[in-house]
């Protein structure tokens, strides 16, 4: 796996200190072909509890 790019940006209400992270990766398959993947992660904190959700698209 190679990490090509990762970007963090503010997300949601400022008081929640939310962050959106988008990461693009490249994988080498067993047959020596390549595939790309994008991983999106949103996280924020409220009342001292950290919430997060992630999405991966092949």
PDB file of N, CA and C in Angstrom:
ATOM      1  N   UNK A   1       0.835  -1.165   0.000  1.00  0.00           N
ATOM      2  CA  UNK A   1       0.000   0.000   0.000  1.00  0.00           C
ATOM      3  C   UNK A   1       0.891   1.243   0.000  1.00  0.00           C
ATOM      4  N   UNK A   2       0.488   2.228  -0.759  1.00  0.00           N
ATOM      5  CA  UNK A   2       1.150   3.524  -0.774  1.00  0.00           C
ATOM      6  C   UNK A   2       0.123   4.606  -0.510  1.00  0.00           C
ATOM      7  N   UNK A   3       0.418   5.472   0.429  1.00  0.00           N
ATOM      8  CA  UNK A   3      -0.461   6.602   0.687  1.00  0.00           C
ATOM      9  C   UNK A   3      -0.090   7.705  -0.288  1.00  0.00           C
ATOM     10  N   UNK A   4      -1.046   8.068  -1.150  1.00  0.00           N
ATOM     11  CA  UNK A   4      -0.785   9.095  -2.142  1.00  0.00           C
ATOM     12  C   UNK A   4      -0.993  10.495  -1.588  1.00  0.00           C
ATOM     13  N   UNK A   5      -2.091  10.678  -0.848  1.00  0.00           N
ATOM     14  CA  UNK A   5      -2.444  12.013  -0.391  1.00  0.00           C
ATOM     15  C   UNK A   5      -3.373  11.906   0.803  1.00  0.00           C
ATOM     16  N   UNK A   6      -3.273  12.858   1.724  1.00  0.00           N
ATOM     17  CA  UNK A   6      -4.174  12.936   2.854  1.00  0.00           C
ATOM     18  C   UNK A   6      -4.448  14.404   3.137  1.00  0.00           C
ATOM     19  N   UNK A   7      -5.745  14.750   3.259  1.00  0.00           N
ATOM     20  CA  UNK A   7      -6.137  16.139   3.467  1.00  0.00           C
ATOM     21  C   UNK A   7      -7.060  16.238   4.666  1.00  0.00           C
ATOM     22  N   UNK A   8      -6.768  17.132   5.599  1.00  0.00           N
ATOM     23  CA  UNK A   8      -7.628  17.410   6.747  1.00  0.00           C
ATOM     24  C   UNK A   8      -8.252  18.792   6.572  1.00  0.00           C
ATOM     25  N   UNK A   9      -9.568  18.887   6.789  1.00  0.00           N
ATOM     26  CA  UNK A   9     -10.262  20.167   6.731  1.00  0.00           C
ATOM     27  C   UNK A   9     -11.251  20.249   7.879  1.00  0.00           C
ATOM     28  N   UNK A  10     -11.543  21.466   8.355  1.00  0.00           N
ATOM     29  CA  UNK A  10     -12.567  21.626   9.400  1.00  0.00           C
ATOM     30  C   UNK A  10     -13.921  21.140   8.886  1.00  0.00           C
ATOM     31  N   UNK A  11     -14.760  20.625   9.810  1.00  0.00           N
ATOM     32  CA  UNK A  11     -16.060  20.093   9.427  1.00  0.00           C
ATOM     33  C   UNK A  11     -17.083  20.429  10.501  1.00  0.00           C
ATOM     34  N   UNK A  12     -18.268  20.824  10.090  1.00  0.00           N
ATOM     35  CA  UNK A  12     -19.373  21.059  11.022  1.00  0.00           C
ATOM     36  C   UNK A  12     -19.216  22.350  11.816  1.00  0.00           C
ATOM     37  N   UNK A  13     -19.938  22.423  12.925  1.00  0.00           N
ATOM     38  CA  UNK A  13     -19.919  23.604  13.777  1.00  0.00           C
ATOM     39  C   UNK A  13     -18.557  23.766  14.446  1.00  0.00           C
ATOM     40  N   UNK A  14     -18.100  24.990  14.520  1.00  0.00           N
ATOM     41  CA  UNK A  14     -16.781  25.273  15.100  1.00  0.00           C
ATOM     42  C   UNK A  14     -16.678  24.777  16.539  1.00  0.00           C
ATOM     43  N   UNK A  15     -17.774  24.851  17.298  1.00  0.00           N
ATOM     44  CA  UNK A  15     -17.750  24.448  18.706  1.00  0.00           C
ATOM     45  C   UNK A  15     -17.485  22.950  18.879  1.00  0.00           C
ATOM     46  N   UNK A  16     -17.744  22.142  17.840  1.00  0.00           N
ATOM     47  CA  UNK A  16     -17.528  20.701  17.929  1.00  0.00           C
ATOM     48  C   UNK A  16     -16.115  20.300  17.536  1.00  0.00           C
ATOM     49  N   UNK A  17     -15.346  21.232  16.981  1.00  0.00           N
ATOM     50  CA  UNK A  17     -13.972  20.955  16.556  1.00  0.00           C
ATOM     51  C   UNK A  17     -13.924  19.746  15.611  1.00  0.00           C
ATOM     52  N   UNK A  18     -14.867  19.715  14.672  1.00  0.00           N
ATOM     53  CA  UNK A  18     -14.955  18.593  13.736  1.00  0.00           C
ATOM     54  C   UNK A  18     -13.864  18.628  12.680  1.00  0.00           C
ATOM     55  N   UNK A  19     -13.528  17.437  12.181  1.00  0.00           N
ATOM     56  CA  UNK A  19     -12.481  17.323  11.173  1.00  0.00           C
ATOM     57  C   UNK A  19     -12.887  16.282  10.139  1.00  0.00           C
ATOM     58  N   UNK A  20     -12.710  16.627   8.864  1.00  0.00           N
ATOM     59  CA  UNK A  20     -12.902  15.701   7.758  1.00  0.00           C
ATOM     60  C   UNK A  20     -11.528  15.357   7.205  1.00  0.00           C
ATOM     61  N   UNK A  21     -11.223  14.073   7.168  1.00  0.00           N
ATOM     62  CA  UNK A  21      -9.966  13.597   6.604  1.00  0.00           C
ATOM     63  C   UNK A  21     -10.281  12.753   5.379  1.00  0.00           C
ATOM     64  N   UNK A  22      -9.639  13.071   4.261  1.00  0.00           N
ATOM     65  CA  UNK A  22      -9.786  12.285   3.033  1.00  0.00           C
ATOM     66  C   UNK A  22      -8.399  11.777   2.671  1.00  0.00           C
ATOM     67  N   UNK A  23      -8.285  10.459   2.530  1.00  0.00           N
ATOM     68  CA  UNK A  23      -7.001   9.830   2.219  1.00  0.00           C
ATOM     69  C   UNK A  23      -7.133   8.988   0.962  1.00  0.00           C
ATOM     70  N   UNK A  24      -6.210   9.137   0.046  1.00  0.00           N
ATOM     71  CA  UNK A  24      -6.178   8.337  -1.181  1.00  0.00           C
ATOM     72  C   UNK A  24      -4.988   7.395  -1.120  1.00  0.00           C
ATOM     73  N   UNK A  25      -5.249   6.103  -1.361  1.00  0.00           N
ATOM     74  CA  UNK A  25      -4.213   5.068  -1.311  1.00  0.00           C
ATOM     75  C   UNK A  25      -4.189   4.287  -2.612  1.00  0.00           C
ATOM     76  N   UNK A  26      -3.060   3.618  -2.870  1.00  0.00           N
ATOM     77  CA  UNK A  26      -2.925   2.695  -3.993  1.00  0.00           C
ATOM     78  C   UNK A  26      -2.460   1.354  -3.431  1.00  0.00           C
ATOM     79  N   UNK A  27      -3.099   0.283  -3.879  1.00  0.00           N
ATOM     80  CA  UNK A  27      -2.748  -1.071  -3.446  1.00  0.00           C
ATOM     81  C   UNK A  27      -2.267  -1.883  -4.646  1.00  0.00           C
ATOM     82  N   UNK A  28      -1.335  -2.798  -4.411  1.00  0.00           N
ATOM     83  CA  UNK A  28      -0.898  -3.738  -5.443  1.00  0.00           C
ATOM     84  C   UNK A  28      -1.580  -5.071  -5.152  1.00  0.00           C
ATOM     85  N   UNK A  29      -2.348  -5.553  -6.114  1.00  0.00           N
ATOM     86  CA  UNK A  29      -3.042  -6.834  -5.968  1.00  0.00           C
ATOM     87  C   UNK A  29      -2.067  -7.993  -6.165  1.00  0.00           C
ATOM     88  N   UNK A  30      -2.509  -9.206  -5.804  1.00  0.00           N
ATOM     89  CA  UNK A  30      -1.670 -10.401  -5.929  1.00  0.00           C
ATOM     90  C   UNK A  30      -1.242 -10.662  -7.370  1.00  0.00           C
ATOM     91  N   UNK A  31      -2.080 -10.260  -8.322  1.00  0.00           N
ATOM     92  CA  UNK A  31      -1.738 -10.475  -9.732  1.00  0.00           C
ATOM     93  C   UNK A  31      -0.926  -9.316 -10.327  1.00  0.00           C
ATOM     94  N   UNK A  32      -0.394  -8.472  -9.448  1.00  0.00           N
ATOM     95  CA  UNK A  32       0.476  -7.336  -9.818  1.00  0.00           C
ATOM     96  C   UNK A  32      -0.262  -6.194 -10.519  1.00  0.00           C
ATOM     97  N   UNK A  33      -1.600  -6.172 -10.425  1.00  0.00           N
ATOM     98  CA  UNK A  33      -2.361  -5.031 -10.911  1.00  0.00           C
ATOM     99  C   UNK A  33      -2.543  -4.055  -9.743  1.00  0.00           C
ATOM    100  N   UNK A  34      -2.991  -2.874 -10.046  1.00  0.00           N
ATOM    101  CA  UNK A  34      -3.151  -1.846  -9.023  1.00  0.00           C
ATOM    102  C   UNK A  34      -4.614  -1.494  -8.841  1.00  0.00           C
ATOM    103  N   UNK A  35      -4.965  -1.045  -7.634  1.00  0.00           N
ATOM    104  CA  UNK A  35      -6.297  -0.497  -7.394  1.00  0.00           C
ATOM    105  C   UNK A  35      -6.161   0.699  -6.467  1.00  0.00           C
ATOM    106  N   UNK A  36      -7.049   1.643  -6.640  1.00  0.00           N
ATOM    107  CA  UNK A  36      -7.044   2.859  -5.821  1.00  0.00           C
ATOM    108  C   UNK A  36      -8.182   2.794  -4.816  1.00  0.00           C
ATOM    109  N   UNK A  37      -8.003   3.483  -3.710  1.00  0.00           N
ATOM    110  CA  UNK A  37      -9.025   3.531  -2.674  1.00  0.00           C
ATOM    111  C   UNK A  37      -9.041   4.924  -2.065  1.00  0.00           C
ATOM    112  N   UNK A  38     -10.228   5.381  -1.733  1.00  0.00           N
ATOM    113  CA  UNK A  38     -10.382   6.664  -1.059  1.00  0.00           C
ATOM    114  C   UNK A  38     -11.051   6.408   0.285  1.00  0.00           C
ATOM    115  N   UNK A  39     -10.468   6.910   1.353  1.00  0.00           N
ATOM    116  CA  UNK A  39     -10.986   6.718   2.700  1.00  0.00           C
ATOM    117  C   UNK A  39     -11.366   8.085   3.254  1.00  0.00           C
ATOM    118  N   UNK A  40     -12.647   8.232   3.640  1.00  0.00           N
ATOM    119  CA  UNK A  40     -13.139   9.478   4.213  1.00  0.00           C
ATOM    120  C   UNK A  40     -13.494   9.230   5.674  1.00  0.00           C
ATOM    121  N   UNK A  41     -13.056  10.114   6.549  1.00  0.00           N
ATOM    122  CA  UNK A  41     -13.310   9.976   7.975  1.00  0.00           C
ATOM    123  C   UNK A  41     -13.751  11.326   8.526  1.00  0.00           C
ATOM    124  N   UNK A  42     -14.877  11.342   9.249  1.00  0.00           N
ATOM    125  CA  UNK A  42     -15.358  12.547   9.919  1.00  0.00           C
ATOM    126  C   UNK A  42     -15.340  12.271  11.409  1.00  0.00           C
ATOM    127  N   UNK A  43     -14.798  13.200  12.182  1.00  0.00           N
ATOM    128  CA  UNK A  43     -14.799  13.051  13.633  1.00  0.00           C
ATOM    129  C   UNK A  43     -15.084  14.408  14.282  1.00  0.00           C
ATOM    130  N   UNK A  44     -15.734  14.349  15.447  1.00  0.00           N
ATOM    131  CA  UNK A  44     -15.989  15.561  16.237  1.00  0.00           C
ATOM    132  C   UNK A  44     -16.190  15.157  17.689  1.00  0.00           C
ATOM    133  N   UNK A  45     -16.073  16.144  18.575  1.00  0.00           N
ATOM    134  CA  UNK A  45     -16.203  15.877  19.999  1.00  0.00           C
ATOM    135  C   UNK A  45     -17.344  16.697  20.575  1.00  0.00           C
ATOM    136  N   UNK A  46     -18.165  16.043  21.414  1.00  0.00           N
ATOM    137  CA  UNK A  46     -19.264  16.727  22.089  1.00  0.00           C
ATOM    138  C   UNK A  46     -19.407  16.130  23.481  1.00  0.00           C
ATOM    139  N   UNK A  47     -19.435  16.985  24.492  1.00  0.00           N
ATOM    140  CA  UNK A  47     -19.568  16.552  25.885  1.00  0.00           C
ATOM    141  C   UNK A  47     -18.509  15.514  26.254  1.00  0.00           C
ATOM    142  N   UNK A  48     -17.266  15.764  25.856  1.00  0.00           N
ATOM    143  CA  UNK A  48     -16.123  14.896  26.134  1.00  0.00           C
ATOM    144  C   UNK A  48     -16.246  13.501  25.536  1.00  0.00           C
ATOM    145  N   UNK A  49     -17.089  13.339  24.491  1.00  0.00           N
ATOM    146  CA  UNK A  49     -17.212  12.071  23.779  1.00  0.00           C
ATOM    147  C   UNK A  49     -16.784  12.320  22.330  1.00  0.00           C
ATOM    148  N   UNK A  50     -15.860  11.488  21.828  1.00  0.00           N
ATOM    149  CA  UNK A  50     -15.386  11.617  20.457  1.00  0.00           C
ATOM    150  C   UNK A  50     -16.232  10.714  19.559  1.00  0.00           C
ATOM    151  N   UNK A  51     -16.835  11.291  18.531  1.00  0.00           N
ATOM    152  CA  UNK A  51     -17.644  10.567  17.557  1.00  0.00           C
ATOM    153  C   UNK A  51     -16.905  10.523  16.235  1.00  0.00           C
ATOM    154  N   UNK A  52     -17.094   9.459  15.485  1.00  0.00           N
ATOM    155  CA  UNK A  52     -16.452   9.361  14.187  1.00  0.00           C
ATOM    156  C   UNK A  52     -17.171   8.382  13.287  1.00  0.00           C
ATOM    157  N   UNK A  53     -17.068   8.638  11.995  1.00  0.00           N
ATOM    158  CA  UNK A  53     -17.624   7.730  11.002  1.00  0.00           C
ATOM    159  C   UNK A  53     -16.662   7.725   9.822  1.00  0.00           C
ATOM    160  N   UNK A  54     -16.500   6.546   9.208  1.00  0.00           N
ATOM    161  CA  UNK A  54     -15.571   6.414   8.090  1.00  0.00           C
ATOM    162  C   UNK A  54     -16.275   5.732   6.917  1.00  0.00           C
ATOM    163  N   UNK A  55     -15.810   6.060   5.733  1.00  0.00           N
ATOM    164  CA  UNK A  55     -16.334   5.478   4.507  1.00  0.00           C
ATOM    165  C   UNK A  55     -15.151   5.150   3.597  1.00  0.00           C
ATOM    166  N   UNK A  56     -15.166   3.955   3.025  1.00  0.00           N
ATOM    167  CA  UNK A  56     -14.110   3.548   2.104  1.00  0.00           C
ATOM    168  C   UNK A  56     -14.733   3.211   0.764  1.00  0.00           C
ATOM    169  N   UNK A  57     -14.166   3.746  -0.295  1.00  0.00           N
ATOM    170  CA  UNK A  57     -14.639   3.378  -1.627  1.00  0.00           C
ATOM    171  C   UNK A  57     -13.469   2.819  -2.430  1.00  0.00           C
ATOM    172  N   UNK A  58     -13.671   1.616  -2.957  1.00  0.00           N
ATOM    173  CA  UNK A  58     -12.576   0.941  -3.671  1.00  0.00           C
ATOM    174  C   UNK A  58     -12.215   1.631  -4.975  1.00  0.00           C
TER     175      UNK A  58
END
